[in-house]
Amino acid sequence: MNRYPLISKLKTAKDYNEVFTLVKKSAESSLSLHRAGLTLILAEIPNHIGAYHVAGSNIIVINRTILHAMKTLAQSKDEFNSFIFSILAHEYLHTFGYYDETQVHKLVAQICKQNFGPEHPTMQFATKELFTLYPKLQNLGPGKTDNTTFEIINNFDRSSMS
């Protein structure tokens, strides 16, 4: 029996919703946390911000520039999905009111280790700075603050809809 059954599911996840479903399962399994009804937005934001949660809302925003760069830099779908998992897990924890970044980083690492094992790529993203793992991201420059160009991801958090 596979000790980490979510590894194969993450590797084959086809979209943000499938990765997020694994985030929710992992957070519930590791920390007994669950909430529904979240919205994912991709937007042009300053590149020193990978993603953020709008406090008091159901919105998670991911930096579209970094996201597109990671699609190119990641050497496999598994690596890219692991990146998405770690970002969504981090922001998902913020939706529960965890705002201390040190605590959130530790909790994401705990979730990744318990659900994927200590050697899985999710652990790299959970425990290391993205710009250290991918120095080429520094070439992206400061980024934009275009609040008018964004994309709402359809069918995100589908598992919470009945």
Protein backbone atom coordinates (compact mmCIF):
# COMPACT_ATOMS: atom_id res chain seq x y z
CA MET A 1 0.00 0.00 0.00
CA ASN A 2 1.24 3.46 -0.92
CA ARG A 3 1.98 5.49 2.19
CA TYR A 4 1.33 8.73 0.29
CA PRO A 5 -1.63 8.12 -2.05
CA LEU A 6 -1.97 11.81 -2.91
CA ILE A 7 1.36 11.80 -4.78
CA SER A 8 -0.12 10.13 -7.86
CA LYS A 9 -3.23 12.34 -7.70
CA LEU A 10 -1.13 15.51 -7.61
CA LYS A 11 1.03 14.27 -10.46
CA THR A 12 -2.04 13.77 -12.68
CA ALA A 13 -4.08 16.79 -11.54
CA LYS A 14 -5.31 18.62 -14.63
CA ASP A 15 -6.30 22.02 -13.28
CA TYR A 16 -6.31 24.36 -10.30
CA ASN A 17 -9.48 22.80 -8.92
CA GLU A 18 -7.99 19.29 -8.86
CA VAL A 19 -4.88 20.57 -7.07
CA PHE A 20 -7.04 22.56 -4.65
CA THR A 21 -9.13 19.50 -3.87
CA LEU A 22 -5.89 17.85 -2.72
CA VAL A 23 -4.98 20.93 -0.67
CA LYS A 24 -8.32 20.71 1.12
CA LYS A 25 -7.99 16.95 1.74
CA SER A 26 -4.46 17.44 3.06
CA ALA A 27 -5.37 20.34 5.35
CA GLU A 28 -8.33 18.41 6.71
CA SER A 29 -6.22 15.29 7.25
CA SER A 30 -3.27 17.10 8.87
CA LEU A 31 -4.90 20.01 10.69
CA SER A 32 -8.65 19.21 10.77
CA LEU A 33 -9.35 22.39 8.79
CA HIS A 34 -12.06 22.69 6.16
CA ARG A 35 -13.90 25.52 4.49
CA ALA A 36 -15.74 25.93 1.23
CA GLY A 37 -16.66 28.53 -1.32
CA LEU A 38 -13.31 30.02 -2.32
CA THR A 39 -12.59 31.92 -5.52
CA LEU A 40 -9.26 31.90 -7.38
CA ILE A 41 -8.12 34.93 -9.36
CA LEU A 42 -5.00 35.23 -11.52
CA ALA A 43 -3.77 38.83 -11.69
CA GLU A 44 -0.82 41.04 -12.54
CA ILE A 45 0.64 42.03 -9.18
CA PRO A 46 4.14 43.05 -8.05
CA ASN A 47 6.53 40.14 -8.50
CA HIS A 48 7.72 40.15 -4.89
CA ILE A 49 4.23 38.81 -4.10
CA GLY A 50 3.54 35.25 -5.26
CA ALA A 51 -0.05 35.20 -4.08
CA TYR A 52 -2.29 36.62 -1.40
CA HIS A 53 -5.60 36.14 0.35
CA VAL A 54 -7.90 39.12 0.71
CA ALA A 55 -8.53 39.09 4.47
CA GLY A 56 -12.16 38.59 5.38
CA SER A 57 -13.06 37.38 1.90
CA ASN A 58 -13.26 34.14 -0.04
CA ILE A 59 -10.65 35.28 -2.59
CA ILE A 60 -7.18 33.92 -3.31
CA VAL A 61 -5.10 35.83 -5.88
CA ILE A 62 -2.07 34.28 -7.62
CA ASN A 63 0.56 36.33 -9.47
CA ARG A 64 -0.07 35.56 -13.14
CA THR A 65 3.47 36.58 -14.23
CA ILE A 66 5.16 34.20 -11.78
CA LEU A 67 2.63 31.50 -12.62
CA HIS A 68 3.42 31.68 -16.35
CA ALA A 69 7.17 31.78 -15.67
CA MET A 70 6.88 28.67 -13.49
CA LYS A 71 5.07 26.83 -16.29
CA THR A 72 8.25 27.33 -18.32
CA LEU A 73 10.80 26.78 -15.54
CA ALA A 74 9.24 23.69 -13.94
CA GLN A 75 10.78 20.59 -15.47
CA SER A 76 7.65 18.44 -15.14
CA LYS A 77 3.92 18.64 -14.55
CA ASP A 78 4.53 17.14 -11.11
CA GLU A 79 6.93 19.97 -10.25
CA PHE A 80 4.48 22.62 -11.50
CA ASN A 81 1.55 21.04 -9.65
CA SER A 82 3.69 20.90 -6.50
CA PHE A 83 4.32 24.64 -6.87
CA ILE A 84 0.58 25.29 -7.26
CA PHE A 85 -0.17 23.02 -4.28
CA SER A 86 2.22 24.88 -1.99
CA ILE A 87 0.90 28.31 -2.97
CA LEU A 88 -2.74 27.28 -2.62
CA ALA A 89 -2.04 25.54 0.70
CA HIS A 90 -0.34 28.67 2.02
CA GLU A 91 -3.20 30.94 1.00
CA TYR A 92 -5.82 28.42 2.13
CA LEU A 93 -4.36 28.60 5.65
CA HIS A 94 -4.67 32.39 5.54
CA THR A 95 -8.42 31.95 4.92
CA PHE A 96 -8.66 30.39 8.39
CA GLY A 97 -7.10 33.44 10.00
CA TYR A 98 -3.52 32.21 10.14
CA TYR A 99 -1.63 35.40 9.26
CA ASP A 100 1.72 34.88 10.94
CA GLU A 101 3.93 33.96 7.98
CA THR A 102 6.37 31.88 10.04
CA GLN A 103 3.52 29.81 11.44
CA VAL A 104 1.92 29.41 7.99
CA HIS A 105 5.22 28.23 6.47
CA LYS A 106 5.58 25.63 9.23
CA LEU A 107 2.00 24.43 8.79
CA VAL A 108 2.37 24.13 5.00
CA ALA A 109 5.57 22.11 5.54
CA GLN A 110 3.72 19.89 8.02
CA ILE A 111 0.88 19.33 5.53
CA CYS A 112 3.33 18.52 2.72
CA LYS A 113 5.46 16.18 4.80
CA GLN A 114 2.49 14.25 6.21
CA ASN A 115 0.70 13.90 2.88
CA PHE A 116 3.56 13.65 0.36
CA GLY A 117 6.65 12.69 2.35
CA PRO A 118 9.86 14.56 3.16
CA GLU A 119 11.42 14.09 -0.29
CA HIS A 120 8.49 15.26 -2.42
CA PRO A 121 8.79 18.52 -4.43
CA THR A 122 6.00 20.09 -2.37
CA MET A 123 8.45 20.09 0.55
CA GLN A 124 10.96 22.11 -1.48
CA PHE A 125 8.33 24.75 -2.18
CA ALA A 126 7.12 24.69 1.42
CA THR A 127 10.55 25.11 2.99
CA LYS A 128 12.58 27.22 0.55
CA GLU A 129 12.17 30.63 -1.02
CA LEU A 130 10.88 30.46 -4.60
CA PHE A 131 13.51 32.92 -5.87
CA THR A 132 16.23 30.74 -4.34
CA LEU A 133 14.88 27.62 -6.04
CA TYR A 134 14.41 29.46 -9.35
CA PRO A 135 16.91 32.36 -9.60
CA LYS A 136 15.70 33.13 -13.15
CA LEU A 137 12.49 34.48 -11.62
CA GLN A 138 14.53 37.51 -10.54
CA ASN A 139 14.74 38.45 -14.24
CA LEU A 140 10.99 39.14 -14.23
CA GLY A 141 11.58 42.57 -12.74
CA PRO A 142 9.26 44.35 -10.33
CA GLY A 143 6.03 43.29 -12.00
CA LYS A 144 2.88 45.24 -12.66
CA THR A 145 0.04 46.59 -10.63
CA ASP A 146 -2.64 46.37 -13.29
CA ASN A 147 -5.77 45.90 -11.24
CA THR A 148 -7.97 45.86 -14.34
CA THR A 149 -6.58 42.72 -15.96
CA PHE A 150 -7.45 39.59 -14.04
CA GLU A 151 -8.91 36.16 -14.65
CA ILE A 152 -11.42 34.44 -12.40
CA ILE A 153 -10.87 30.68 -12.59
CA ASN A 154 -14.14 28.94 -13.38
CA ASN A 155 -15.11 25.82 -11.43
CA PHE A 156 -12.57 26.48 -8.68
CA ASP A 157 -13.42 24.79 -5.37
CA ARG A 158 -15.97 22.62 -7.19
CA SER A 159 -15.84 20.01 -4.44
CA SER A 160 -17.68 22.41 -2.14
CA MET A 161 -20.57 22.74 -4.58
CA SER A 162 -23.30 20.14 -4.50
